[in-house]
């Protein structure tokens, strides 16, 4: 079920991203090549899927969510480009291919990330790509800015870098990952709900509980895969967290307990969706997929 839905949403958002990543001038060709390389070279598109699924859960059409779906993927891609830099995680592989700074150079990677970040907000403010009234577009911009900035993803990366070689308890580890990974996942669900035009406080609250649970489950499963999987399957260097002495859930809880915690978070997410009808099935399937995926 999720495979067909994933393929459908991937095709939709990938077509929209391709249109966005065409160089408008010859002088910008290399920059746009680096930006495009960073976005279209694979990826599960989990965040756009969440945007579309949340929108459809509330009765919205997928077309109304295209702008938000593109925006969250552009932010996600920019974060990966910058996280992979030598000054950050110093990775050579991403999605089974050389990281952007290896395929181009460090300066091009920095600029590509900067360009992707700016483009995400341009998409949300453009009425042609995000067909909502100005007030709703502004709310969506604010939502994404909070999730991507110092109180969200960027803050989480700062905490992560500052935690290398340190022992964190579970509460501290969860604070880090609710910022680094969870914030953008939560924003994806909220943006999809807003895009539907039918978001109410009660439905938003239920969707927030769902998103918080899967955001954390996503990171727990990532940590598990870093232990259990291999580089070819992951598309990135396996065992990097342990080699870099980063705090992880398997290191803190033990591997089996980490797996049990991922399943507990999945169940919390599914429980939060009880008020919704069959239109929430893609969200339910995504909660299951997040803890069952192998890469």
C-alpha atoms as a PDB file:
ATOM      1  CA  UNK A   1       0.000   0.000   0.000  1.00  0.00           C
ATOM      2  CA  UNK A   2       2.633   2.520   1.041  1.00  0.00           C
ATOM      3  CA  UNK A   3       4.850   1.669  -1.951  1.00  0.00           C
ATOM      4  CA  UNK A   4       2.190   2.736  -4.452  1.00  0.00           C
ATOM      5  CA  UNK A   5       1.381   5.902  -2.520  1.00  0.00           C
ATOM      6  CA  UNK A   6       5.076   6.698  -2.145  1.00  0.00           C
ATOM      7  CA  UNK A   7       5.680   6.268  -5.875  1.00  0.00           C
ATOM      8  CA  UNK A   8       2.719   8.498  -6.705  1.00  0.00           C
ATOM      9  CA  UNK A   9       3.841  11.279  -4.354  1.00  0.00           C
ATOM     10  CA  UNK A  10       7.483  10.971  -5.372  1.00  0.00           C
ATOM     11  CA  UNK A  11       6.569  11.386  -9.032  1.00  0.00           C
ATOM     12  CA  UNK A  12       4.464  14.436  -8.206  1.00  0.00           C
ATOM     13  CA  UNK A  13       7.018  16.263  -6.075  1.00  0.00           C
ATOM     14  CA  UNK A  14       9.967  15.266  -8.271  1.00  0.00           C
ATOM     15  CA  UNK A  15       8.296  16.806 -11.330  1.00  0.00           C
ATOM     16  CA  UNK A  16       7.690  20.024  -9.403  1.00  0.00           C
ATOM     17  CA  UNK A  17      11.279  20.072  -8.104  1.00  0.00           C
ATOM     18  CA  UNK A  18      12.678  19.543 -11.604  1.00  0.00           C
ATOM     19  CA  UNK A  19      10.853  22.668 -12.764  1.00  0.00           C
ATOM     20  CA  UNK A  20      12.275  24.660  -9.868  1.00  0.00           C
ATOM     21  CA  UNK A  21      15.870  23.578 -10.424  1.00  0.00           C
ATOM     22  CA  UNK A  22      16.384  24.777 -13.992  1.00  0.00           C
ATOM     23  CA  UNK A  23      19.079  27.468 -14.260  1.00  0.00           C
ATOM     24  CA  UNK A  24      17.544  30.767 -15.418  1.00  0.00           C
ATOM     25  CA  UNK A  25      20.881  32.008 -16.833  1.00  0.00           C
ATOM     26  CA  UNK A  26      23.960  30.346 -18.262  1.00  0.00           C
ATOM     27  CA  UNK A  27      26.202  31.968 -15.654  1.00  0.00           C
ATOM     28  CA  UNK A  28      24.274  30.119 -12.927  1.00  0.00           C
ATOM     29  CA  UNK A  29      24.524  26.712 -14.569  1.00  0.00           C
ATOM     30  CA  UNK A  30      27.105  25.215 -12.187  1.00  0.00           C
ATOM     31  CA  UNK A  31      25.278  26.456  -9.094  1.00  0.00           C
ATOM     32  CA  UNK A  32      22.001  24.963 -10.285  1.00  0.00           C
ATOM     33  CA  UNK A  33      23.747  21.740 -11.255  1.00  0.00           C
ATOM     34  CA  UNK A  34      24.991  21.413  -7.667  1.00  0.00           C
ATOM     35  CA  UNK A  35      21.542  22.282  -6.290  1.00  0.00           C
ATOM     36  CA  UNK A  36      19.840  19.799  -8.588  1.00  0.00           C
ATOM     37  CA  UNK A  37      22.411  17.084  -7.771  1.00  0.00           C
ATOM     38  CA  UNK A  38      21.687  17.570  -4.081  1.00  0.00           C
ATOM     39  CA  UNK A  39      17.935  17.125  -4.512  1.00  0.00           C
ATOM     40  CA  UNK A  40      17.171  14.699  -7.318  1.00  0.00           C
ATOM     41  CA  UNK A  41      19.792  11.975  -6.696  1.00  0.00           C
ATOM     42  CA  UNK A  42      17.414   9.698  -4.846  1.00  0.00           C
ATOM     43  CA  UNK A  43      15.815  10.006  -1.453  1.00  0.00           C
ATOM     44  CA  UNK A  44      12.684   8.529   0.092  1.00  0.00           C
ATOM     45  CA  UNK A  45      10.764  11.848   0.035  1.00  0.00           C
ATOM     46  CA  UNK A  46       9.286  11.058   3.454  1.00  0.00           C
ATOM     47  CA  UNK A  47       8.660  14.717   4.261  1.00  0.00           C
ATOM     48  CA  UNK A  48       6.753  15.510   1.048  1.00  0.00           C
ATOM     49  CA  UNK A  49       4.776  12.301   1.573  1.00  0.00           C
ATOM     50  CA  UNK A  50       3.769  13.561   5.005  1.00  0.00           C
ATOM     51  CA  UNK A  51       2.716  16.898   3.526  1.00  0.00           C
ATOM     52  CA  UNK A  52       0.477  15.242   0.942  1.00  0.00           C
ATOM     53  CA  UNK A  53      -0.902  12.670   3.374  1.00  0.00           C
ATOM     54  CA  UNK A  54      -1.777  15.273   6.030  1.00  0.00           C
ATOM     55  CA  UNK A  55      -3.451  17.463   3.428  1.00  0.00           C
ATOM     56  CA  UNK A  56      -5.519  14.560   2.112  1.00  0.00           C
ATOM     57  CA  UNK A  57      -6.394  13.406   5.641  1.00  0.00           C
ATOM     58  CA  UNK A  58      -8.290  16.677   6.080  1.00  0.00           C
ATOM     59  CA  UNK A  59      -9.956  16.447   2.676  1.00  0.00           C
ATOM     60  CA  UNK A  60      -7.565  18.664   0.712  1.00  0.00           C
ATOM     61  CA  UNK A  61      -6.379  18.030  -2.837  1.00  0.00           C
ATOM     62  CA  UNK A  62      -2.749  17.096  -3.420  1.00  0.00           C
ATOM     63  CA  UNK A  63      -2.366  20.018  -5.817  1.00  0.00           C
ATOM     64  CA  UNK A  64      -2.865  22.426  -2.911  1.00  0.00           C
ATOM     65  CA  UNK A  65       0.134  20.870  -1.147  1.00  0.00           C
ATOM     66  CA  UNK A  66       2.692  20.935  -3.987  1.00  0.00           C
ATOM     67  CA  UNK A  67       4.383  24.123  -2.789  1.00  0.00           C
ATOM     68  CA  UNK A  68       4.737  22.901   0.781  1.00  0.00           C
ATOM     69  CA  UNK A  69       5.951  19.479  -0.388  1.00  0.00           C
ATOM     70  CA  UNK A  70       8.690  21.094  -2.466  1.00  0.00           C
ATOM     71  CA  UNK A  71       9.642  23.480   0.323  1.00  0.00           C
ATOM     72  CA  UNK A  72      10.212  20.799   2.972  1.00  0.00           C
ATOM     73  CA  UNK A  73      12.269  18.664   0.597  1.00  0.00           C
ATOM     74  CA  UNK A  74      14.421  21.649  -0.384  1.00  0.00           C
ATOM     75  CA  UNK A  75      15.083  22.408   3.294  1.00  0.00           C
ATOM     76  CA  UNK A  76      15.850  18.753   3.975  1.00  0.00           C
ATOM     77  CA  UNK A  77      18.244  18.572   1.016  1.00  0.00           C
ATOM     78  CA  UNK A  78      20.028  21.764   2.050  1.00  0.00           C
ATOM     79  CA  UNK A  79      20.494  20.409   5.572  1.00  0.00           C
ATOM     80  CA  UNK A  80      22.067  17.201   4.242  1.00  0.00           C
ATOM     81  CA  UNK A  81      24.473  19.126   1.994  1.00  0.00           C
ATOM     82  CA  UNK A  82      25.680  21.238   4.910  1.00  0.00           C
ATOM     83  CA  UNK A  83      25.697  18.353   7.436  1.00  0.00           C
ATOM     84  CA  UNK A  84      27.963  16.346   5.104  1.00  0.00           C
ATOM     85  CA  UNK A  85      30.616  19.098   4.898  1.00  0.00           C
ATOM     86  CA  UNK A  86      34.066  18.475   6.414  1.00  0.00           C
ATOM     87  CA  UNK A  87      33.371  21.083   9.103  1.00  0.00           C
ATOM     88  CA  UNK A  88      30.275  19.128  10.185  1.00  0.00           C
ATOM     89  CA  UNK A  89      29.928  15.337   9.779  1.00  0.00           C
ATOM     90  CA  UNK A  90      32.578  15.014   7.031  1.00  0.00           C
ATOM     91  CA  UNK A  91      30.761  12.389   4.960  1.00  0.00           C
ATOM     92  CA  UNK A  92      31.745  11.115   1.522  1.00  0.00           C
ATOM     93  CA  UNK A  93      28.522   9.259   0.629  1.00  0.00           C
ATOM     94  CA  UNK A  94      24.885  10.289   0.524  1.00  0.00           C
ATOM     95  CA  UNK A  95      22.155   8.198  -1.079  1.00  0.00           C
ATOM     96  CA  UNK A  96      24.819   5.905  -2.507  1.00  0.00           C
ATOM     97  CA  UNK A  97      26.596   8.694  -4.380  1.00  0.00           C
ATOM     98  CA  UNK A  98      29.399  11.131  -3.576  1.00  0.00           C
ATOM     99  CA  UNK A  99      28.246  13.948  -1.325  1.00  0.00           C
ATOM    100  CA  UNK A 100      27.822  17.334  -2.972  1.00  0.00           C
ATOM    101  CA  UNK A 101      31.138  18.714  -1.752  1.00  0.00           C
ATOM    102  CA  UNK A 102      32.879  15.626  -3.172  1.00  0.00           C
ATOM    103  CA  UNK A 103      31.044  15.723  -6.499  1.00  0.00           C
ATOM    104  CA  UNK A 104      31.674  19.480  -6.887  1.00  0.00           C
ATOM    105  CA  UNK A 105      33.726  21.277  -4.201  1.00  0.00           C
ATOM    106  CA  UNK A 106      33.167  22.702  -0.753  1.00  0.00           C
ATOM    107  CA  UNK A 107      32.351  26.232  -1.896  1.00  0.00           C
ATOM    108  CA  UNK A 108      29.815  24.946  -4.430  1.00  0.00           C
ATOM    109  CA  UNK A 109      28.224  22.752  -1.762  1.00  0.00           C
ATOM    110  CA  UNK A 110      27.871  25.656   0.655  1.00  0.00           C
ATOM    111  CA  UNK A 111      26.311  27.835  -2.031  1.00  0.00           C
ATOM    112  CA  UNK A 112      24.040  25.024  -3.222  1.00  0.00           C
ATOM    113  CA  UNK A 113      22.746  24.567   0.324  1.00  0.00           C
ATOM    114  CA  UNK A 114      22.217  28.302   0.696  1.00  0.00           C
ATOM    115  CA  UNK A 115      20.361  28.383  -2.624  1.00  0.00           C
ATOM    116  CA  UNK A 116      18.098  25.465  -1.706  1.00  0.00           C
ATOM    117  CA  UNK A 117      17.193  27.055   1.618  1.00  0.00           C
ATOM    118  CA  UNK A 118      16.254  30.367   0.000  1.00  0.00           C
ATOM    119  CA  UNK A 119      14.332  28.651  -2.770  1.00  0.00           C
ATOM    120  CA  UNK A 120      12.175  26.823  -0.214  1.00  0.00           C
ATOM    121  CA  UNK A 121      10.839  30.105   1.148  1.00  0.00           C
ATOM    122  CA  UNK A 122      10.440  31.586  -2.328  1.00  0.00           C
ATOM    123  CA  UNK A 123       8.196  28.648  -3.210  1.00  0.00           C
ATOM    124  CA  UNK A 124       5.980  29.220  -0.163  1.00  0.00           C
ATOM    125  CA  UNK A 125       5.573  32.945  -0.872  1.00  0.00           C
ATOM    126  CA  UNK A 126       4.800  32.458  -4.572  1.00  0.00           C
ATOM    127  CA  UNK A 127       1.038  32.388  -5.110  1.00  0.00           C
ATOM    128  CA  UNK A 128       1.541  30.588  -8.418  1.00  0.00           C
ATOM    129  CA  UNK A 129       3.259  27.668  -6.722  1.00  0.00           C
ATOM    130  CA  UNK A 130       1.435  27.873  -3.387  1.00  0.00           C
ATOM    131  CA  UNK A 131      -2.170  28.800  -4.264  1.00  0.00           C
ATOM    132  CA  UNK A 132      -3.420  30.077  -0.914  1.00  0.00           C
ATOM    133  CA  UNK A 133      -4.306  33.499   0.380  1.00  0.00           C
ATOM    134  CA  UNK A 134      -1.515  35.742   1.669  1.00  0.00           C
ATOM    135  CA  UNK A 135      -2.318  35.140   5.350  1.00  0.00           C
ATOM    136  CA  UNK A 136      -2.075  31.383   4.989  1.00  0.00           C
ATOM    137  CA  UNK A 137       1.133  31.618   2.943  1.00  0.00           C
ATOM    138  CA  UNK A 138       2.648  33.769   5.687  1.00  0.00           C
ATOM    139  CA  UNK A 139       1.642  31.206   8.328  1.00  0.00           C
ATOM    140  CA  UNK A 140       3.299  28.482   6.274  1.00  0.00           C
ATOM    141  CA  UNK A 141       6.504  30.499   5.907  1.00  0.00           C
ATOM    142  CA  UNK A 142       6.606  31.074   9.673  1.00  0.00           C
ATOM    143  CA  UNK A 143       6.021  27.372  10.318  1.00  0.00           C
ATOM    144  CA  UNK A 144       8.892  26.299   8.081  1.00  0.00           C
ATOM    145  CA  UNK A 145      11.232  29.004   9.396  1.00  0.00           C
ATOM    146  CA  UNK A 146      10.710  27.873  12.985  1.00  0.00           C
ATOM    147  CA  UNK A 147      11.285  24.231  12.083  1.00  0.00           C
ATOM    148  CA  UNK A 148      14.417  24.916  10.044  1.00  0.00           C
ATOM    149  CA  UNK A 149      16.035  27.518  12.288  1.00  0.00           C
ATOM    150  CA  UNK A 150      17.804  27.744  15.650  1.00  0.00           C
ATOM    151  CA  UNK A 151      14.762  26.508  17.577  1.00  0.00           C
ATOM    152  CA  UNK A 152      14.462  23.533  15.237  1.00  0.00           C
ATOM    153  CA  UNK A 153      16.753  21.710  12.836  1.00  0.00           C
ATOM    154  CA  UNK A 154      19.762  24.056  13.018  1.00  0.00           C
ATOM    155  CA  UNK A 155      19.575  24.066  16.800  1.00  0.00           C
ATOM    156  CA  UNK A 156      19.469  20.278  16.800  1.00  0.00           C
ATOM    157  CA  UNK A 157      22.579  20.069  14.644  1.00  0.00           C
ATOM    158  CA  UNK A 158      24.358  22.463  17.024  1.00  0.00           C
ATOM    159  CA  UNK A 159      23.383  20.277  19.991  1.00  0.00           C
ATOM    160  CA  UNK A 160      24.522  17.194  18.065  1.00  0.00           C
ATOM    161  CA  UNK A 161      27.947  18.643  17.300  1.00  0.00           C
ATOM    162  CA  UNK A 162      28.314  19.723  20.907  1.00  0.00           C
ATOM    163  CA  UNK A 163      27.433  16.231  22.160  1.00  0.00           C
ATOM    164  CA  UNK A 164      30.185  14.277  20.406  1.00  0.00           C
ATOM    165  CA  UNK A 165      32.088  12.216  22.950  1.00  0.00           C
ATOM    166  CA  UNK A 166      29.626  13.038  25.728  1.00  0.00           C
ATOM    167  CA  UNK A 167      27.141  10.784  27.477  1.00  0.00           C
ATOM    168  CA  UNK A 168      23.543  11.991  27.244  1.00  0.00           C
ATOM    169  CA  UNK A 169      20.567  10.614  29.123  1.00  0.00           C
ATOM    170  CA  UNK A 170      17.403   9.745  27.224  1.00  0.00           C
ATOM    171  CA  UNK A 171      15.722  13.084  27.922  1.00  0.00           C
ATOM    172  CA  UNK A 172      18.694  15.036  26.541  1.00  0.00           C
ATOM    173  CA  UNK A 173      18.946  12.729  23.522  1.00  0.00           C
ATOM    174  CA  UNK A 174      15.268  13.255  22.741  1.00  0.00           C
ATOM    175  CA  UNK A 175      15.592  17.038  23.012  1.00  0.00           C
ATOM    176  CA  UNK A 176      18.391  16.910  20.451  1.00  0.00           C
ATOM    177  CA  UNK A 177      16.474  14.733  18.018  1.00  0.00           C
ATOM    178  CA  UNK A 178      13.150  16.542  18.408  1.00  0.00           C
ATOM    179  CA  UNK A 179      15.069  19.540  17.111  1.00  0.00           C
ATOM    180  CA  UNK A 180      17.400  17.970  14.553  1.00  0.00           C
ATOM    181  CA  UNK A 181      15.067  15.439  12.924  1.00  0.00           C
ATOM    182  CA  UNK A 182      11.643  15.863  14.456  1.00  0.00           C
ATOM    183  CA  UNK A 183      11.111  19.578  13.850  1.00  0.00           C
ATOM    184  CA  UNK A 184      11.031  19.313  10.045  1.00  0.00           C
ATOM    185  CA  UNK A 185       8.913  16.151  10.149  1.00  0.00           C
ATOM    186  CA  UNK A 186       6.423  17.903  12.444  1.00  0.00           C
ATOM    187  CA  UNK A 187       6.422  20.939  10.146  1.00  0.00           C
ATOM    188  CA  UNK A 188       5.722  18.698   7.146  1.00  0.00           C
ATOM    189  CA  UNK A 189       2.543  17.409   8.792  1.00  0.00           C
ATOM    190  CA  UNK A 190       1.450  20.872   9.915  1.00  0.00           C
ATOM    191  CA  UNK A 191       2.120  22.386   6.485  1.00  0.00           C
ATOM    192  CA  UNK A 192       0.090  19.661   4.827  1.00  0.00           C
ATOM    193  CA  UNK A 193      -2.768  20.288   7.246  1.00  0.00           C
ATOM    194  CA  UNK A 194      -2.606  24.035   6.600  1.00  0.00           C
ATOM    195  CA  UNK A 195      -2.514  23.453   2.848  1.00  0.00           C
ATOM    196  CA  UNK A 196      -5.785  21.522   3.053  1.00  0.00           C
ATOM    197  CA  UNK A 197      -7.622  24.707   4.045  1.00  0.00           C
ATOM    198  CA  UNK A 198      -9.553  22.679   6.619  1.00  0.00           C
ATOM    199  CA  UNK A 199      -7.215  22.651   9.629  1.00  0.00           C
ATOM    200  CA  UNK A 200      -8.928  23.131  12.986  1.00  0.00           C
ATOM    201  CA  UNK A 201      -7.249  23.388  16.419  1.00  0.00           C
ATOM    202  CA  UNK A 202      -8.414  19.927  17.461  1.00  0.00           C
ATOM    203  CA  UNK A 203      -7.266  18.217  14.285  1.00  0.00           C
ATOM    204  CA  UNK A 204      -3.968  20.079  14.340  1.00  0.00           C
ATOM    205  CA  UNK A 205      -3.350  18.926  17.901  1.00  0.00           C
ATOM    206  CA  UNK A 206      -3.949  15.279  17.022  1.00  0.00           C
ATOM    207  CA  UNK A 207      -1.688  15.568  13.989  1.00  0.00           C
ATOM    208  CA  UNK A 208       1.020  17.219  16.120  1.00  0.00           C
ATOM    209  CA  UNK A 209       0.987  14.273  18.539  1.00  0.00           C
ATOM    210  CA  UNK A 210       1.284  11.921  15.565  1.00  0.00           C
ATOM    211  CA  UNK A 211       4.127  13.933  14.049  1.00  0.00           C
ATOM    212  CA  UNK A 212       6.089  14.154  17.289  1.00  0.00           C
ATOM    213  CA  UNK A 213       5.935  10.380  17.674  1.00  0.00           C
ATOM    214  CA  UNK A 214       7.020   9.548  14.129  1.00  0.00           C
ATOM    215  CA  UNK A 215       9.687  12.253  14.160  1.00  0.00           C
ATOM    216  CA  UNK A 216      11.355  10.575  17.110  1.00  0.00           C
ATOM    217  CA  UNK A 217      10.698   7.087  15.736  1.00  0.00           C
ATOM    218  CA  UNK A 218      12.454   8.072  12.499  1.00  0.00           C
ATOM    219  CA  UNK A 219      15.629   8.946  14.401  1.00  0.00           C
ATOM    220  CA  UNK A 220      15.495   5.861  16.615  1.00  0.00           C
ATOM    221  CA  UNK A 221      15.235   3.691  13.500  1.00  0.00           C
ATOM    222  CA  UNK A 222      18.094   5.612  11.854  1.00  0.00           C
ATOM    223  CA  UNK A 223      20.265   4.840  14.879  1.00  0.00           C
ATOM    224  CA  UNK A 224      19.271   1.166  14.723  1.00  0.00           C
ATOM    225  CA  UNK A 225      20.105   0.962  11.018  1.00  0.00           C
ATOM    226  CA  UNK A 226      23.499   2.558  11.633  1.00  0.00           C
ATOM    227  CA  UNK A 227      24.248  -0.498  13.765  1.00  0.00           C
ATOM    228  CA  UNK A 228      22.492  -3.260  11.810  1.00  0.00           C
ATOM    229  CA  UNK A 229      22.661  -2.273   8.151  1.00  0.00           C
ATOM    230  CA  UNK A 230      25.573  -1.816   5.745  1.00  0.00           C
ATOM    231  CA  UNK A 231      26.930   1.046   3.661  1.00  0.00           C
ATOM    232  CA  UNK A 232      25.556  -0.265   0.354  1.00  0.00           C
ATOM    233  CA  UNK A 233      22.031  -0.568   1.746  1.00  0.00           C
ATOM    234  CA  UNK A 234      22.067   2.709   3.645  1.00  0.00           C
ATOM    235  CA  UNK A 235      23.624   4.730   0.833  1.00  0.00           C
ATOM    236  CA  UNK A 236      25.808   6.435   3.435  1.00  0.00           C
ATOM    237  CA  UNK A 237      28.685   5.334   5.634  1.00  0.00           C
ATOM    238  CA  UNK A 238      27.510   2.665   8.089  1.00  0.00           C
ATOM    239  CA  UNK A 239      28.784   2.836  11.657  1.00  0.00           C
ATOM    240  CA  UNK A 240      29.697   6.521  11.432  1.00  0.00           C
ATOM    241  CA  UNK A 241      27.850   7.426  14.633  1.00  0.00           C
ATOM    242  CA  UNK A 242      29.761   4.907  16.717  1.00  0.00           C
ATOM    243  CA  UNK A 243      33.060   5.819  15.068  1.00  0.00           C
ATOM    244  CA  UNK A 244      32.456   9.489  15.860  1.00  0.00           C
ATOM    245  CA  UNK A 245      31.384   8.699  19.440  1.00  0.00           C
ATOM    246  CA  UNK A 246      27.932  10.204  18.924  1.00  0.00           C
ATOM    247  CA  UNK A 247      25.172   9.458  21.437  1.00  0.00           C
ATOM    248  CA  UNK A 248      22.538   7.125  19.960  1.00  0.00           C
ATOM    249  CA  UNK A 249      19.529   5.159  21.171  1.00  0.00           C
ATOM    250  CA  UNK A 250      21.156   1.704  20.788  1.00  0.00           C
ATOM    251  CA  UNK A 251      24.195   2.959  22.692  1.00  0.00           C
ATOM    252  CA  UNK A 252      21.999   4.347  25.470  1.00  0.00           C
ATOM    253  CA  UNK A 253      19.219   1.758  25.670  1.00  0.00           C
ATOM    254  CA  UNK A 254      20.715  -1.299  24.022  1.00  0.00           C
ATOM    255  CA  UNK A 255      19.724  -2.495  20.555  1.00  0.00           C
ATOM    256  CA  UNK A 256      16.679  -4.564  21.516  1.00  0.00           C
ATOM    257  CA  UNK A 257      15.288  -1.883  23.806  1.00  0.00           C
ATOM    258  CA  UNK A 258      15.797   0.713  21.083  1.00  0.00           C
ATOM    259  CA  UNK A 259      13.757  -1.467  18.711  1.00  0.00           C
ATOM    260  CA  UNK A 260      11.017  -1.779  21.316  1.00  0.00           C
ATOM    261  CA  UNK A 261      11.001   1.992  21.780  1.00  0.00           C
ATOM    262  CA  UNK A 262      10.609   2.548  18.021  1.00  0.00           C
ATOM    263  CA  UNK A 263       7.553   0.281  18.045  1.00  0.00           C
ATOM    264  CA  UNK A 264       6.151   2.094  21.088  1.00  0.00           C
ATOM    265  CA  UNK A 265       6.470   5.414  19.250  1.00  0.00           C
ATOM    266  CA  UNK A 266       4.772   3.917  16.186  1.00  0.00           C
ATOM    267  CA  UNK A 267       1.858   2.842  18.363  1.00  0.00           C
ATOM    268  CA  UNK A 268       1.626   6.329  19.888  1.00  0.00           C
ATOM    269  CA  UNK A 269       1.415   7.773  16.383  1.00  0.00           C
ATOM    270  CA  UNK A 270      -1.310   5.341  15.328  1.00  0.00           C
ATOM    271  CA  UNK A 271      -3.288   6.069  18.481  1.00  0.00           C
ATOM    272  CA  UNK A 272      -3.175   9.813  17.739  1.00  0.00           C
ATOM    273  CA  UNK A 273      -4.872   9.139  14.375  1.00  0.00           C
ATOM    274  CA  UNK A 274      -7.908   7.402  15.902  1.00  0.00           C
ATOM    275  CA  UNK A 275     -10.186  10.441  15.357  1.00  0.00           C
ATOM    276  CA  UNK A 276      -9.569  10.328  11.582  1.00  0.00           C
ATOM    277  CA  UNK A 277     -11.295   8.217   8.938  1.00  0.00           C
ATOM    278  CA  UNK A 278      -9.945   6.190   6.027  1.00  0.00           C
ATOM    279  CA  UNK A 279      -8.364   9.274   4.474  1.00  0.00           C
ATOM    280  CA  UNK A 280      -5.646   9.017   7.150  1.00  0.00           C
ATOM    281  CA  UNK A 281      -4.535   5.564   5.960  1.00  0.00           C
ATOM    282  CA  UNK A 282      -1.416   6.953   4.214  1.00  0.00           C
ATOM    283  CA  UNK A 283      -0.361   8.575   7.498  1.00  0.00           C
ATOM    284  CA  UNK A 284      -0.913   5.258   9.293  1.00  0.00           C
ATOM    285  CA  UNK A 285       1.083   3.409   6.640  1.00  0.00           C
ATOM    286  CA  UNK A 286       3.889   5.962   6.930  1.00  0.00           C
ATOM    287  CA  UNK A 287       4.102   5.432  10.699  1.00  0.00           C
ATOM    288  CA  UNK A 288       4.557   1.699  10.095  1.00  0.00           C
ATOM    289  CA  UNK A 289       6.997   2.255   7.234  1.00  0.00           C
ATOM    290  CA  UNK A 290       9.240   4.538   9.289  1.00  0.00           C
ATOM    291  CA  UNK A 291      10.048   1.777  11.802  1.00  0.00           C
ATOM    292  CA  UNK A 292      10.129  -1.050   9.247  1.00  0.00           C
ATOM    293  CA  UNK A 293      12.390   0.557   6.625  1.00  0.00           C
ATOM    294  CA  UNK A 294      15.855  -0.872   6.040  1.00  0.00           C
ATOM    295  CA  UNK A 295      17.538   2.301   4.767  1.00  0.00           C
END
